[in-house]
C-alpha atoms as a PDB file:
ATOM      1  CA  UNK A   1      71.892  83.025  41.916  1.00  0.00           C
ATOM      2  CA  UNK A   2      73.429  82.898  45.268  1.00  0.00           C
ATOM      3  CA  UNK A   3      72.834  86.137  47.325  1.00  0.00           C
ATOM      4  CA  UNK A   4      76.446  87.202  47.413  1.00  0.00           C
ATOM      5  CA  UNK A   5      76.147  86.676  43.691  1.00  0.00           C
ATOM      6  CA  UNK A   6      73.279  88.698  43.300  1.00  0.00           C
ATOM      7  CA  UNK A   7      74.499  91.652  45.446  1.00  0.00           C
ATOM      8  CA  UNK A   8      77.732  91.807  43.222  1.00  0.00           C
ATOM      9  CA  UNK A   9      75.628  92.025  40.034  1.00  0.00           C
ATOM     10  CA  UNK A  10      73.819  95.169  41.606  1.00  0.00           C
ATOM     11  CA  UNK A  11      76.985  96.197  43.074  1.00  0.00           C
ATOM     12  CA  UNK A  12      78.443  96.157  39.558  1.00  0.00           C
ATOM     13  CA  UNK A  13      75.400  97.552  37.857  1.00  0.00           C
ATOM     14  CA  UNK A  14      75.355 100.719  40.127  1.00  0.00           C
ATOM     15  CA  UNK A  15      78.884 101.111  39.384  1.00  0.00           C
ATOM     16  CA  UNK A  16      78.118 101.154  35.950  1.00  0.00           C
ATOM     17  CA  UNK A  17      74.717 103.101  35.835  1.00  0.00           C
ATOM     18  CA  UNK A  18      76.724 105.917  37.738  1.00  0.00           C
ATOM     19  CA  UNK A  19      79.403 106.277  35.306  1.00  0.00           C
ATOM     20  CA  UNK A  20      77.107 105.994  32.032  1.00  0.00           C
ATOM     21  CA  UNK A  21      75.044 108.850  33.972  1.00  0.00           C
ATOM     22  CA  UNK A  22      78.307 111.206  34.026  1.00  0.00           C
ATOM     23  CA  UNK A  23      79.946 110.390  30.849  1.00  0.00           C
ATOM     24  CA  UNK A  24      77.693 108.670  28.426  1.00  0.00           C
ATOM     25  CA  UNK A  25      74.808 111.391  28.897  1.00  0.00           C
ATOM     26  CA  UNK A  26      74.339 111.687  24.978  1.00  0.00           C
ATOM     27  CA  UNK A  27      74.474 107.750  24.592  1.00  0.00           C
ATOM     28  CA  UNK A  28      71.631 105.163  24.853  1.00  0.00           C
ATOM     29  CA  UNK A  29      71.890 102.807  27.287  1.00  0.00           C
ATOM     30  CA  UNK A  30      72.093  99.995  25.217  1.00  0.00           C
ATOM     31  CA  UNK A  31      74.770 101.301  23.131  1.00  0.00           C
ATOM     32  CA  UNK A  32      77.073 101.725  26.906  1.00  0.00           C
ATOM     33  CA  UNK A  33      75.844  98.480  27.500  1.00  0.00           C
ATOM     34  CA  UNK A  34      77.634  97.192  24.320  1.00  0.00           C
ATOM     35  CA  UNK A  35      80.806  98.891  24.454  1.00  0.00           C
ATOM     36  CA  UNK A  36      81.461  97.707  28.028  1.00  0.00           C
ATOM     37  CA  UNK A  37      80.524  94.197  26.915  1.00  0.00           C
ATOM     38  CA  UNK A  38      83.030  94.643  23.924  1.00  0.00           C
ATOM     39  CA  UNK A  39      85.652  95.950  26.031  1.00  0.00           C
ATOM     40  CA  UNK A  40      85.186  93.633  28.746  1.00  0.00           C
ATOM     41  CA  UNK A  41      84.993  90.262  26.705  1.00  0.00           C
ATOM     42  CA  UNK A  42      87.943  91.566  24.279  1.00  0.00           C
ATOM     43  CA  UNK A  43      90.421  91.738  27.440  1.00  0.00           C
ATOM     44  CA  UNK A  44      88.584  88.174  28.392  1.00  0.00           C
ATOM     45  CA  UNK A  45      89.599  86.433  25.156  1.00  0.00           C
ATOM     46  CA  UNK A  46      92.778  87.853  25.056  1.00  0.00           C
ATOM     47  CA  UNK A  47      93.423  86.410  28.523  1.00  0.00           C
ATOM     48  CA  UNK A  48      91.824  83.130  27.691  1.00  0.00           C
ATOM     49  CA  UNK A  49      93.179  79.967  25.554  1.00  0.00           C
ATOM     50  CA  UNK A  50      89.411  79.329  24.363  1.00  0.00           C
ATOM     51  CA  UNK A  51      88.085  80.688  21.323  1.00  0.00           C
ATOM     52  CA  UNK A  52      85.326  83.503  22.280  1.00  0.00           C
ATOM     53  CA  UNK A  53      83.041  85.324  20.414  1.00  0.00           C
ATOM     54  CA  UNK A  54      82.224  87.867  22.845  1.00  0.00           C
ATOM     55  CA  UNK A  55      80.203  86.075  25.077  1.00  0.00           C
ATOM     56  CA  UNK A  56      82.443  85.116  27.967  1.00  0.00           C
ATOM     57  CA  UNK A  57      83.398  87.654  30.121  1.00  0.00           C
ATOM     58  CA  UNK A  58      86.377  86.895  32.949  1.00  0.00           C
ATOM     59  CA  UNK A  59      86.906  88.505  36.170  1.00  0.00           C
ATOM     60  CA  UNK A  60      89.748  90.172  34.497  1.00  0.00           C
ATOM     61  CA  UNK A  61      87.803  91.641  31.682  1.00  0.00           C
ATOM     62  CA  UNK A  62      85.032  93.224  34.431  1.00  0.00           C
ATOM     63  CA  UNK A  63      88.570  94.405  36.439  1.00  0.00           C
ATOM     64  CA  UNK A  64      89.802  95.951  33.381  1.00  0.00           C
ATOM     65  CA  UNK A  65      87.052  97.805  32.438  1.00  0.00           C
ATOM     66  CA  UNK A  66      86.555  99.183  36.013  1.00  0.00           C
ATOM     67  CA  UNK A  67      89.855 100.217  36.305  1.00  0.00           C
ATOM     68  CA  UNK A  68      89.736 102.067  32.815  1.00  0.00           C
ATOM     69  CA  UNK A  69      86.703 103.834  34.295  1.00  0.00           C
ATOM     70  CA  UNK A  70      88.517 104.750  37.768  1.00  0.00           C
ATOM     71  CA  UNK A  71      86.190 102.802  39.340  1.00  0.00           C
ATOM     72  CA  UNK A  72      88.629  99.761  40.507  1.00  0.00           C
ATOM     73  CA  UNK A  73      88.590 100.724  43.579  1.00  0.00           C
ATOM     74  CA  UNK A  74      84.725 100.517  44.314  1.00  0.00           C
ATOM     75  CA  UNK A  75      84.570  96.978  43.519  1.00  0.00           C
ATOM     76  CA  UNK A  76      87.321  94.588  45.040  1.00  0.00           C
ATOM     77  CA  UNK A  77      88.279  91.264  42.797  1.00  0.00           C
ATOM     78  CA  UNK A  78      86.952  89.180  45.641  1.00  0.00           C
ATOM     79  CA  UNK A  79      83.134  90.225  45.034  1.00  0.00           C
END
């Protein structure tokens, strides 16, 4: 991975971990991850013409999840 890609992934992980710590305290981290992936891949598959088994997550899917958790302003789409 490029350095900028790695930084973006780390930033996304920090945003999601902060949300999990504040809102999913009673839930196991794996359960939270599954919920986030499910939500992001659902939007991704809705916006894509390709068949998806939930494994493909688009920028739109990530953006949708961040907006739903009121964190869209923390990570611009360009990242």
